[in-house]
N, C-alpha and C. Protein backbone atom coordinates (compact mmCIF):
# COMPACT_ATOMS: atom_id res chain seq x y z
N MET A 1 -23.56 49.37 32.47
CA MET A 1 -23.28 50.43 33.15
C MET A 1 -21.85 50.68 32.82
N THR A 2 -21.39 51.77 32.42
CA THR A 2 -19.86 51.98 32.42
C THR A 2 -19.30 51.96 33.64
N GLU A 3 -17.88 51.91 33.69
CA GLU A 3 -17.07 51.88 34.85
C GLU A 3 -17.25 53.15 35.66
N GLN A 4 -17.36 54.27 34.79
CA GLN A 4 -17.34 55.53 35.32
C GLN A 4 -18.68 55.64 36.06
N SER A 5 -19.85 55.38 35.14
CA SER A 5 -21.15 55.40 36.16
C SER A 5 -21.05 54.72 37.18
N ILE A 6 -20.64 53.47 37.24
CA ILE A 6 -20.66 52.67 38.48
C ILE A 6 -19.71 53.33 39.66
N LEU A 7 -18.78 53.89 39.37
CA LEU A 7 -18.01 54.76 40.28
C LEU A 7 -18.86 55.80 41.00
N ALA A 8 -19.57 56.66 39.98
CA ALA A 8 -20.28 57.81 40.59
C ALA A 8 -21.27 57.40 41.24
N GLY A 9 -22.14 56.01 40.79
CA GLY A 9 -23.23 55.62 41.65
C GLY A 9 -22.70 55.02 42.78
N CYS A 10 -21.70 54.37 43.00
CA CYS A 10 -21.14 54.10 44.37
C CYS A 10 -20.91 55.08 45.40
N LEU A 11 -20.19 56.11 44.81
CA LEU A 11 -19.88 57.25 45.48
C LEU A 11 -21.20 57.95 46.14
N ASN A 12 -22.24 57.79 45.47
CA ASN A 12 -23.74 58.27 45.79
C ASN A 12 -24.36 57.17 46.66
N ASN A 13 -23.79 56.00 46.95
CA ASN A 13 -24.40 54.87 47.72
C ASN A 13 -25.58 54.38 46.99
N ASP A 14 -25.55 54.37 45.56
CA ASP A 14 -26.44 53.77 44.90
C ASP A 14 -26.55 52.23 44.87
N PRO A 15 -27.62 51.44 45.45
CA PRO A 15 -27.48 50.24 45.57
C PRO A 15 -27.32 49.41 44.20
N SER A 16 -28.01 49.93 43.06
CA SER A 16 -27.75 49.34 41.89
C SER A 16 -26.34 49.25 41.42
N ALA A 17 -25.53 50.61 41.47
CA ALA A 17 -24.40 50.55 41.00
C ALA A 17 -23.41 49.84 42.10
N GLN A 18 -23.63 49.49 43.32
CA GLN A 18 -22.99 48.75 44.22
C GLN A 18 -23.13 47.28 43.81
N ARG A 19 -24.35 47.02 43.45
CA ARG A 19 -24.57 45.57 42.98
C ARG A 19 -23.90 45.16 41.66
N GLU A 20 -24.04 46.13 40.83
CA GLU A 20 -23.04 46.05 39.52
C GLU A 20 -21.66 45.91 39.58
N LEU A 21 -21.16 46.60 40.40
CA LEU A 21 -19.56 46.53 40.80
C LEU A 21 -19.55 45.13 41.31
N TYR A 22 -20.19 44.81 42.22
CA TYR A 22 -19.99 43.41 43.07
C TYR A 22 -20.10 42.28 41.75
N ASN A 23 -21.08 42.45 41.14
CA ASN A 23 -21.41 41.50 40.10
C ASN A 23 -20.31 41.21 38.93
N ARG A 24 -19.67 42.39 38.74
CA ARG A 24 -18.62 42.48 37.73
C ARG A 24 -17.24 41.91 38.36
N TYR A 25 -16.88 42.34 39.53
CA TYR A 25 -15.51 42.03 40.04
C TYR A 25 -15.64 40.86 41.01
N SER A 26 -16.62 40.67 41.67
CA SER A 26 -16.44 39.53 42.68
C SER A 26 -16.01 38.16 42.15
N PRO A 27 -16.33 37.60 40.88
CA PRO A 27 -15.80 36.30 40.69
C PRO A 27 -14.25 36.26 40.59
N LYS A 28 -13.65 37.14 39.77
CA LYS A 28 -12.39 37.31 39.69
C LYS A 28 -11.53 37.57 41.18
N MET A 29 -12.23 38.33 41.85
CA MET A 29 -11.60 38.51 43.46
C MET A 29 -11.81 37.34 44.10
N LEU A 30 -12.82 36.59 44.03
CA LEU A 30 -13.22 35.39 44.82
C LEU A 30 -11.98 34.43 44.70
N SER A 31 -11.48 34.53 43.19
CA SER A 31 -10.34 33.38 42.93
C SER A 31 -9.10 34.01 43.49
N VAL A 32 -8.95 35.20 43.70
CA VAL A 32 -7.66 35.92 44.46
C VAL A 32 -7.92 35.27 45.87
N CYS A 33 -8.97 35.34 46.36
CA CYS A 33 -9.21 35.09 47.90
C CYS A 33 -9.00 33.43 47.99
N TYR A 34 -9.52 32.75 46.99
CA TYR A 34 -9.59 31.23 47.38
C TYR A 34 -8.10 30.98 47.32
N ARG A 35 -7.05 31.60 46.40
CA ARG A 35 -5.66 31.21 46.50
C ARG A 35 -5.05 31.29 47.83
N PHE A 36 -5.53 32.29 48.56
CA PHE A 36 -5.01 32.56 50.22
C PHE A 36 -5.76 31.75 51.11
N ALA A 37 -7.02 31.38 50.91
CA ALA A 37 -7.76 30.98 51.86
C ALA A 37 -7.61 29.42 52.14
N ASN A 38 -7.91 28.81 53.21
CA ASN A 38 -7.75 27.42 53.64
C ASN A 38 -9.08 26.61 53.25
N SER A 39 -10.20 27.49 53.26
CA SER A 39 -11.77 26.76 52.70
C SER A 39 -12.33 27.90 52.02
N ARG A 40 -13.37 27.32 51.27
CA ARG A 40 -14.19 28.21 50.23
C ARG A 40 -14.74 29.16 51.37
N GLU A 41 -15.07 28.83 52.52
CA GLU A 41 -15.89 29.77 53.51
C GLU A 41 -15.09 30.89 53.89
N ASP A 42 -13.66 30.44 54.16
CA ASP A 42 -12.76 31.52 54.43
C ASP A 42 -12.51 32.54 53.31
N ALA A 43 -12.52 31.88 52.15
CA ALA A 43 -12.46 32.85 50.82
C ALA A 43 -13.60 33.81 50.74
N GLU A 44 -14.71 33.22 50.91
CA GLU A 44 -16.11 34.17 50.94
C GLU A 44 -15.94 35.23 51.99
N ASP A 45 -15.46 34.91 53.32
CA ASP A 45 -15.32 35.87 54.25
C ASP A 45 -14.52 36.90 53.83
N MET A 46 -13.25 36.47 53.37
CA MET A 46 -12.32 37.37 52.87
C MET A 46 -12.74 38.37 51.59
N LEU A 47 -13.58 37.87 50.89
CA LEU A 47 -14.37 38.55 49.74
C LEU A 47 -15.09 39.60 50.31
N GLN A 48 -16.00 39.15 51.27
CA GLN A 48 -16.94 39.91 51.82
C GLN A 48 -16.45 41.31 52.66
N GLU A 49 -15.35 40.81 53.41
CA GLU A 49 -14.69 41.98 53.98
C GLU A 49 -13.87 42.79 53.07
N GLY A 50 -13.35 42.43 51.97
CA GLY A 50 -12.94 43.22 50.95
C GLY A 50 -13.75 44.19 50.31
N PHE A 51 -14.88 43.63 50.06
CA PHE A 51 -15.89 44.54 49.30
C PHE A 51 -16.45 45.61 50.03
N ILE A 52 -16.47 45.20 51.51
CA ILE A 52 -16.85 46.23 52.43
C ILE A 52 -15.73 47.51 52.46
N LYS A 53 -14.65 47.00 52.27
CA LYS A 53 -13.53 47.97 52.37
C LYS A 53 -13.57 48.86 51.03
N VAL A 54 -13.94 48.16 49.82
CA VAL A 54 -13.98 48.76 48.69
C VAL A 54 -14.92 49.78 48.66
N PHE A 55 -16.35 49.49 49.11
CA PHE A 55 -17.39 50.34 49.12
C PHE A 55 -16.97 51.60 50.11
N THR A 56 -16.28 51.41 51.21
CA THR A 56 -16.25 52.44 52.39
C THR A 56 -15.00 53.15 51.82
N GLN A 57 -14.08 52.64 51.04
CA GLN A 57 -12.78 53.53 50.56
C GLN A 57 -13.00 54.03 49.21
N MET A 58 -14.18 53.72 48.64
CA MET A 58 -14.21 54.16 46.98
C MET A 58 -13.96 55.55 46.91
N HIS A 59 -14.12 56.66 47.96
CA HIS A 59 -13.75 57.93 47.83
C HIS A 59 -12.34 58.24 47.56
N THR A 60 -11.50 57.10 47.79
CA THR A 60 -9.96 57.09 47.87
C THR A 60 -9.50 56.92 46.44
N PHE A 61 -10.23 56.24 45.66
CA PHE A 61 -9.69 56.04 44.42
C PHE A 61 -9.52 57.20 43.43
N GLN A 62 -8.38 57.39 42.81
CA GLN A 62 -8.08 58.52 42.21
C GLN A 62 -7.90 58.75 40.80
N ASN A 63 -8.48 57.53 40.15
CA ASN A 63 -8.37 57.16 38.51
C ASN A 63 -7.02 57.15 38.08
N LYS A 64 -6.12 56.78 38.90
CA LYS A 64 -4.68 56.37 38.76
C LYS A 64 -4.51 55.01 38.50
N GLY A 65 -4.38 54.47 37.18
CA GLY A 65 -4.38 53.29 37.06
C GLY A 65 -5.71 52.50 36.95
N ALA A 66 -5.60 51.15 36.93
CA ALA A 66 -6.96 50.41 36.54
C ALA A 66 -7.75 50.33 37.88
N PHE A 67 -8.92 50.50 37.69
CA PHE A 67 -9.93 50.36 38.75
C PHE A 67 -9.85 49.09 39.41
N GLU A 68 -9.83 47.98 38.42
CA GLU A 68 -9.82 46.77 38.78
C GLU A 68 -8.55 46.35 39.80
N GLY A 69 -7.45 46.95 39.44
CA GLY A 69 -6.13 46.79 40.04
C GLY A 69 -6.32 47.45 41.31
N TRP A 70 -7.15 48.51 41.49
CA TRP A 70 -7.17 49.06 42.84
C TRP A 70 -7.87 48.17 43.68
N ILE A 71 -9.01 47.64 43.04
CA ILE A 71 -9.85 46.63 43.99
C ILE A 71 -8.93 45.43 44.52
N ARG A 72 -8.20 44.78 43.53
CA ARG A 72 -7.26 43.88 43.77
C ARG A 72 -6.34 44.09 44.89
N ARG A 73 -6.00 45.09 44.88
CA ARG A 73 -4.76 45.38 46.01
C ARG A 73 -5.81 45.42 47.40
N ILE A 74 -6.87 45.95 47.58
CA ILE A 74 -7.76 45.85 48.69
C ILE A 74 -7.85 44.59 49.02
N ILE A 75 -8.28 43.63 48.07
CA ILE A 75 -8.75 42.27 48.25
C ILE A 75 -7.46 41.63 48.75
N VAL A 76 -6.34 41.64 48.23
CA VAL A 76 -5.20 41.17 48.55
C VAL A 76 -4.84 41.52 50.18
N HIS A 77 -4.55 42.86 50.22
CA HIS A 77 -4.52 43.25 51.63
C HIS A 77 -5.33 42.61 52.66
N THR A 78 -6.73 42.69 52.23
CA THR A 78 -7.88 41.94 53.27
C THR A 78 -7.58 40.62 53.46
N CYS A 79 -7.06 39.81 52.42
CA CYS A 79 -6.66 38.59 52.87
C CYS A 79 -5.66 38.31 53.77
N ILE A 80 -4.48 39.12 53.41
CA ILE A 80 -3.44 39.17 54.35
C ILE A 80 -3.72 39.37 55.96
N ASN A 81 -4.88 40.33 56.02
CA ASN A 81 -4.96 40.85 57.16
C ASN A 81 -5.95 39.79 57.78
N PHE A 82 -6.90 39.07 57.06
CA PHE A 82 -7.60 37.85 57.69
C PHE A 82 -6.78 36.97 58.13
N LEU A 83 -5.89 36.52 57.46
CA LEU A 83 -4.92 35.58 57.84
C LEU A 83 -4.12 35.70 59.24
N LYS A 84 -3.63 36.98 59.24
CA LYS A 84 -3.19 37.59 60.41
C LYS A 84 -3.99 37.47 61.70
N LYS A 85 -5.22 38.17 61.49
CA LYS A 85 -6.34 38.29 62.54
C LYS A 85 -6.61 37.13 63.11
N ASN A 86 -7.00 35.88 62.13
CA ASN A 86 -7.30 34.89 62.47
C ASN A 86 -6.16 33.81 62.92
N LYS A 87 -4.81 34.59 63.06
CA LYS A 87 -3.66 33.53 63.22
C LYS A 87 -3.72 32.32 62.45
N LYS A 88 -3.92 32.50 61.08
CA LYS A 88 -3.72 31.40 60.19
C LYS A 88 -2.42 31.73 59.42
N PHE A 89 -1.61 32.53 59.67
CA PHE A 89 -0.50 32.69 58.99
C PHE A 89 0.64 32.65 59.95
N SER A 90 1.50 31.86 59.83
CA SER A 90 2.94 31.47 60.68
C SER A 90 3.95 32.23 59.99
N ASN A 91 4.79 32.97 60.80
CA ASN A 91 5.97 33.67 60.33
C ASN A 91 7.22 32.75 60.13
N SER A 92 6.98 31.56 60.72
CA SER A 92 8.25 30.48 60.76
C SER A 92 7.99 29.82 59.51
N ILE A 93 9.19 29.26 58.97
CA ILE A 93 9.16 28.51 57.96
C ILE A 93 9.08 26.96 58.26
N ASP A 94 8.09 26.60 57.53
CA ASP A 94 7.68 25.18 57.86
C ASP A 94 8.49 23.95 57.22
N LEU A 95 9.85 23.81 57.81
CA LEU A 95 10.76 23.05 57.42
C LEU A 95 10.45 21.48 57.30
N ASP A 96 9.71 21.20 58.51
CA ASP A 96 9.50 19.95 58.70
C ASP A 96 8.54 19.23 57.65
N GLN A 97 7.82 20.10 56.89
CA GLN A 97 6.76 19.49 55.96
C GLN A 97 7.57 19.47 54.56
N ALA A 98 8.80 20.04 54.39
CA ALA A 98 9.59 20.08 53.05
C ALA A 98 10.64 19.32 52.94
N ASP A 99 10.62 18.29 52.17
CA ASP A 99 11.76 17.65 51.88
C ASP A 99 12.78 18.34 51.03
N TYR A 100 14.04 18.28 51.12
CA TYR A 100 14.93 19.06 50.34
C TYR A 100 14.68 18.72 48.78
N LEU A 101 14.57 19.41 48.05
CA LEU A 101 14.48 19.41 46.80
C LEU A 101 15.55 20.31 45.90
N GLU A 102 16.19 19.80 44.96
CA GLU A 102 16.72 20.86 43.98
C GLU A 102 15.81 22.04 43.52
N VAL A 103 16.09 23.20 43.69
CA VAL A 103 15.30 24.19 43.13
C VAL A 103 15.62 24.66 41.49
N ARG A 104 14.59 24.07 40.68
CA ARG A 104 14.71 24.49 39.21
C ARG A 104 13.62 25.07 38.69
N GLU A 105 13.88 25.95 37.72
CA GLU A 105 12.85 26.69 37.05
C GLU A 105 12.53 25.88 35.76
N GLU A 106 11.70 24.87 35.76
CA GLU A 106 11.56 24.05 34.78
C GLU A 106 10.43 24.19 33.79
N THR A 107 10.09 23.38 33.06
CA THR A 107 9.01 23.49 32.01
C THR A 107 7.71 22.89 32.32
N MET A 108 6.69 23.46 32.00
CA MET A 108 5.32 23.05 32.48
C MET A 108 4.54 23.12 30.98
N PRO A 109 3.80 22.00 30.76
CA PRO A 109 3.11 21.96 29.41
C PRO A 109 2.07 23.07 29.57
N SER A 110 2.09 23.66 28.40
CA SER A 110 1.12 24.89 28.00
C SER A 110 -0.27 24.46 28.23
N VAL A 111 -0.67 23.32 28.04
CA VAL A 111 -2.05 22.79 28.36
C VAL A 111 -2.47 22.87 29.63
N MET A 112 -1.47 23.01 30.51
CA MET A 112 -1.75 22.98 32.07
C MET A 112 -2.95 23.87 32.39
N GLN A 113 -4.07 23.40 32.90
CA GLN A 113 -5.24 24.37 33.42
C GLN A 113 -4.81 25.13 34.66
N ALA A 114 -5.11 26.27 34.81
CA ALA A 114 -4.82 27.14 35.81
C ALA A 114 -5.49 26.42 37.28
N ARG A 115 -6.74 25.84 37.19
CA ARG A 115 -7.30 25.24 37.94
C ARG A 115 -6.35 24.18 38.76
N GLN A 116 -5.81 23.49 37.99
CA GLN A 116 -5.10 22.29 38.44
C GLN A 116 -3.78 22.88 39.12
N ILE A 117 -3.24 24.05 38.76
CA ILE A 117 -2.13 24.73 39.45
C ILE A 117 -2.47 25.19 40.66
N ILE A 118 -3.80 25.72 40.71
CA ILE A 118 -4.40 26.41 42.04
C ILE A 118 -4.49 25.49 43.08
N GLU A 119 -5.10 24.15 42.64
CA GLU A 119 -5.36 23.17 43.53
C GLU A 119 -4.28 22.62 44.15
N CYS A 120 -3.02 22.59 43.23
CA CYS A 120 -1.74 22.05 43.78
C CYS A 120 -1.26 23.02 44.68
N ILE A 121 -1.05 24.41 44.31
CA ILE A 121 -0.85 25.32 45.33
C ILE A 121 -1.50 25.34 46.76
N ARG A 122 -2.70 25.09 46.58
CA ARG A 122 -3.49 25.06 47.91
C ARG A 122 -3.00 23.96 48.91
N LEU A 123 -2.10 22.98 48.31
CA LEU A 123 -1.64 21.96 49.26
C LEU A 123 -0.54 22.26 49.84
N LEU A 124 0.19 23.59 49.47
CA LEU A 124 1.47 24.06 50.22
C LEU A 124 1.01 24.61 51.54
N PRO A 125 1.98 24.41 52.53
CA PRO A 125 1.78 25.01 53.74
C PRO A 125 1.50 26.64 53.68
N LEU A 126 0.66 27.10 54.33
CA LEU A 126 0.10 28.38 54.35
C LEU A 126 1.09 29.47 54.12
N GLY A 127 2.18 29.39 54.88
CA GLY A 127 3.32 30.37 54.72
C GLY A 127 3.93 30.40 53.20
N TYR A 128 4.28 29.27 52.86
CA TYR A 128 4.83 29.05 51.34
C TYR A 128 3.59 29.63 50.38
N ARG A 129 2.56 29.20 50.73
CA ARG A 129 1.32 29.37 49.57
C ARG A 129 1.24 30.99 49.60
N THR A 130 1.26 31.65 50.82
CA THR A 130 1.00 33.06 50.78
C THR A 130 2.10 33.70 50.06
N VAL A 131 3.44 33.46 50.31
CA VAL A 131 4.32 34.08 49.77
C VAL A 131 4.36 33.79 48.10
N LEU A 132 4.15 32.65 47.82
CA LEU A 132 4.04 32.17 46.45
C LEU A 132 3.11 33.23 45.84
N ASN A 133 1.92 33.26 46.26
CA ASN A 133 0.73 34.01 45.77
C ASN A 133 1.31 35.31 45.37
N LEU A 134 1.83 35.93 46.76
CA LEU A 134 2.09 37.49 46.54
C LEU A 134 3.25 37.79 45.49
N TYR A 135 4.32 36.66 45.40
CA TYR A 135 5.47 37.13 44.68
C TYR A 135 5.01 36.61 43.15
N ALA A 136 4.67 35.52 43.06
CA ALA A 136 4.67 34.93 41.52
C ALA A 136 3.29 35.47 40.98
N MET A 137 2.32 35.59 41.74
CA MET A 137 0.88 35.78 40.98
C MET A 137 0.47 37.19 41.07
N GLU A 138 0.80 37.98 42.20
CA GLU A 138 0.47 39.43 42.55
C GLU A 138 1.40 40.24 42.15
N GLY A 139 2.73 39.77 42.11
CA GLY A 139 3.90 40.64 41.39
C GLY A 139 4.37 41.39 42.64
N TYR A 140 4.33 41.38 43.87
CA TYR A 140 4.89 42.03 44.87
C TYR A 140 6.48 41.70 44.84
N SER A 141 7.16 42.59 45.52
CA SER A 141 8.70 42.34 45.80
C SER A 141 8.89 41.46 47.17
N HIS A 142 10.02 40.74 47.33
CA HIS A 142 10.25 40.31 48.54
C HIS A 142 10.32 41.30 49.84
N LYS A 143 10.78 42.52 49.32
CA LYS A 143 10.73 43.65 50.29
C LYS A 143 9.23 43.93 50.70
N GLU A 144 8.35 44.12 49.72
CA GLU A 144 6.85 44.31 50.04
C GLU A 144 6.15 43.34 50.69
N ILE A 145 6.68 42.10 50.27
CA ILE A 145 5.87 40.87 51.08
C ILE A 145 6.40 40.88 52.63
N ALA A 146 7.58 41.03 52.80
CA ALA A 146 8.28 41.38 54.26
C ALA A 146 7.41 42.11 54.99
N ASP A 147 7.27 43.45 54.48
CA ASP A 147 6.75 44.63 55.06
C ASP A 147 5.18 43.88 55.43
N MET A 148 4.44 43.54 54.28
CA MET A 148 3.26 43.17 54.64
C MET A 148 3.04 41.92 55.54
N LEU A 149 3.85 41.10 55.75
CA LEU A 149 3.70 39.92 56.60
C LEU A 149 4.40 39.97 57.85
N ASP A 150 5.26 41.23 58.13
CA ASP A 150 6.01 41.38 59.15
C ASP A 150 7.11 40.17 59.31
N ILE A 151 7.82 39.77 58.19
CA ILE A 151 8.81 38.82 58.32
C ILE A 151 10.10 39.55 57.63
N GLU A 152 11.11 38.94 57.65
CA GLU A 152 12.28 39.26 57.09
C GLU A 152 12.24 39.05 55.68
N GLU A 153 13.06 40.08 54.80
CA GLU A 153 12.97 39.67 53.40
C GLU A 153 13.76 38.50 53.05
N SER A 154 14.64 38.03 53.72
CA SER A 154 15.36 36.70 53.43
C SER A 154 14.11 35.48 53.60
N THR A 155 13.58 35.61 54.78
CA THR A 155 12.38 34.60 54.96
C THR A 155 11.42 34.60 53.79
N SER A 156 10.84 35.78 53.30
CA SER A 156 10.22 35.81 51.99
C SER A 156 10.80 35.07 50.82
N ARG A 157 12.31 35.19 50.74
CA ARG A 157 12.84 34.59 49.70
C ARG A 157 13.05 33.03 49.83
N SER A 158 13.39 32.61 51.03
CA SER A 158 13.35 31.49 51.27
C SER A 158 12.00 30.57 51.19
N GLN A 159 10.89 31.04 51.79
CA GLN A 159 9.58 30.51 51.53
C GLN A 159 9.31 30.38 50.15
N TYR A 160 9.62 31.56 49.31
CA TYR A 160 9.24 31.39 47.91
C TYR A 160 10.14 30.30 47.24
N THR A 161 11.26 30.10 47.46
CA THR A 161 12.24 29.05 47.03
C THR A 161 11.57 27.80 47.40
N ARG A 162 11.47 27.56 48.55
CA ARG A 162 10.93 26.19 49.26
C ARG A 162 9.32 25.91 48.52
N ALA A 163 8.53 26.82 48.51
CA ALA A 163 7.32 27.01 47.83
C ALA A 163 7.48 26.38 46.26
N LYS A 164 8.48 26.80 45.63
CA LYS A 164 8.68 26.40 44.19
C LYS A 164 9.05 24.76 44.28
N SER A 165 9.84 24.48 44.98
CA SER A 165 10.55 23.14 45.24
C SER A 165 9.24 22.10 45.52
N MET A 166 8.48 22.65 46.50
CA MET A 166 7.37 21.54 46.79
C MET A 166 6.26 21.40 45.83
N LEU A 167 6.04 22.78 45.34
CA LEU A 167 4.76 22.61 44.17
C LEU A 167 5.52 21.83 42.94
N GLU A 168 6.71 22.00 42.66
CA GLU A 168 7.15 20.94 41.55
C GLU A 168 7.01 19.56 42.06
N ALA A 169 7.49 19.22 43.17
CA ALA A 169 7.13 17.96 43.75
C ALA A 169 5.85 17.30 43.73
N ILE A 170 4.98 18.25 43.95
CA ILE A 170 3.50 17.86 44.03
C ILE A 170 3.07 17.70 42.54
N LEU A 171 3.41 18.61 41.64
CA LEU A 171 2.97 18.31 40.13
C LEU A 171 3.61 17.24 39.51
N ILE A 172 4.85 16.75 39.82
CA ILE A 172 5.50 15.78 39.53
C ILE A 172 4.55 14.36 40.22
N LYS A 173 4.51 14.37 41.38
CA LYS A 173 3.65 13.37 41.95
C LYS A 173 2.38 13.01 41.51
N LYS A 174 1.59 14.06 41.19
CA LYS A 174 0.34 14.10 40.64
C LYS A 174 0.11 13.78 39.23
N ARG A 175 1.45 13.62 38.53
CA ARG A 175 1.74 13.38 37.26
C ARG A 175 1.04 14.53 36.24
N ILE A 176 0.84 15.60 36.85
CA ILE A 176 0.64 16.76 36.03
C ILE A 176 1.75 17.03 35.07
N ILE A 177 2.80 17.04 35.60
CA ILE A 177 4.07 17.31 34.86
C ILE A 177 5.06 16.31 34.94
N GLU A 178 5.86 16.10 33.90
CA GLU A 178 6.97 15.01 33.99
C GLU A 178 8.21 15.77 34.67
N GLN A 179 9.16 14.97 34.86
CA GLN A 179 10.42 15.35 35.34
C GLN A 179 10.82 16.56 34.42
N PRO A 180 10.90 17.71 34.90
CA PRO A 180 11.27 18.94 33.85
C PRO A 180 12.57 18.62 33.41
N ARG A 181 12.58 19.28 31.91
CA ARG A 181 13.90 19.18 31.20
C ARG A 181 14.20 20.60 30.70
N GLU A 182 13.33 21.53 30.61
CA GLU A 182 13.62 22.93 29.82
C GLU A 182 13.38 23.88 31.04
N LYS A 183 14.04 25.02 30.78
CA LYS A 183 13.90 26.11 31.81
C LYS A 183 12.46 27.03 31.46
N PHE A 184 11.83 27.37 32.45
CA PHE A 184 10.61 28.30 32.31
C PHE A 184 10.61 29.04 33.46
N SER A 185 9.70 30.12 33.34
CA SER A 185 9.56 31.20 34.11
C SER A 185 8.16 30.77 35.04
N TRP A 186 8.39 30.48 36.41
CA TRP A 186 7.09 30.24 37.15
C TRP A 186 6.10 31.32 37.09
N ALA A 187 6.54 32.47 37.17
CA ALA A 187 5.79 33.62 37.20
C ALA A 187 4.90 33.62 35.84
N ALA A 188 5.62 33.34 34.80
CA ALA A 188 4.88 33.30 33.58
C ALA A 188 3.76 32.12 33.47
N ALA A 189 4.33 31.09 34.03
CA ALA A 189 3.17 29.88 34.09
C ALA A 189 2.04 30.38 34.91
N PHE A 190 2.20 30.88 35.94
CA PHE A 190 0.86 31.42 36.81
C PHE A 190 -0.07 32.58 36.15
N LYS A 191 0.36 33.08 35.38
CA LYS A 191 -0.24 34.26 34.72
C LYS A 191 -1.01 33.81 33.41
N GLN A 192 -0.69 32.47 32.77
CA GLN A 192 -1.41 32.04 31.80
C GLN A 192 -2.67 31.65 32.06
């Protein structure tokens, strides 16, 4: 089925088109949910809620931009709302769990697997992990993140900075990377 036929079928509540849409996009969207969730069960719940919203809001898609991007935005907002609703996101900065580390944008071997990075990100405190995901992986600005999470823009920046520091320490401790020597962009490393 083409994307247009899937869209048309979903607008007409055609179960085969809905199944096709879900089968096509759910694996990618589950990985998005998994980055925000504390467990696989939470990720699956987020995915389920997100696709319910996709199907009920299908009529609002205006063919401006990529359909997958439209779905992704709904899934990301569903994840944030899920965390807020279940009180699994704290607005406070978790300083007790963070050792002071010098913040550097350092090098990471290009052979680093995305799965290893995701597993290390999941070790971060939830607030740090959420801001890191939204900023470095989803491309939201700190202002947009602050609005989404009902926090100050400076809190978003602070949590992102501390998340990078903690992530670097975790990667070094797990011997995934060595003590960095060269500059690199964290955002570019996550998108590989």
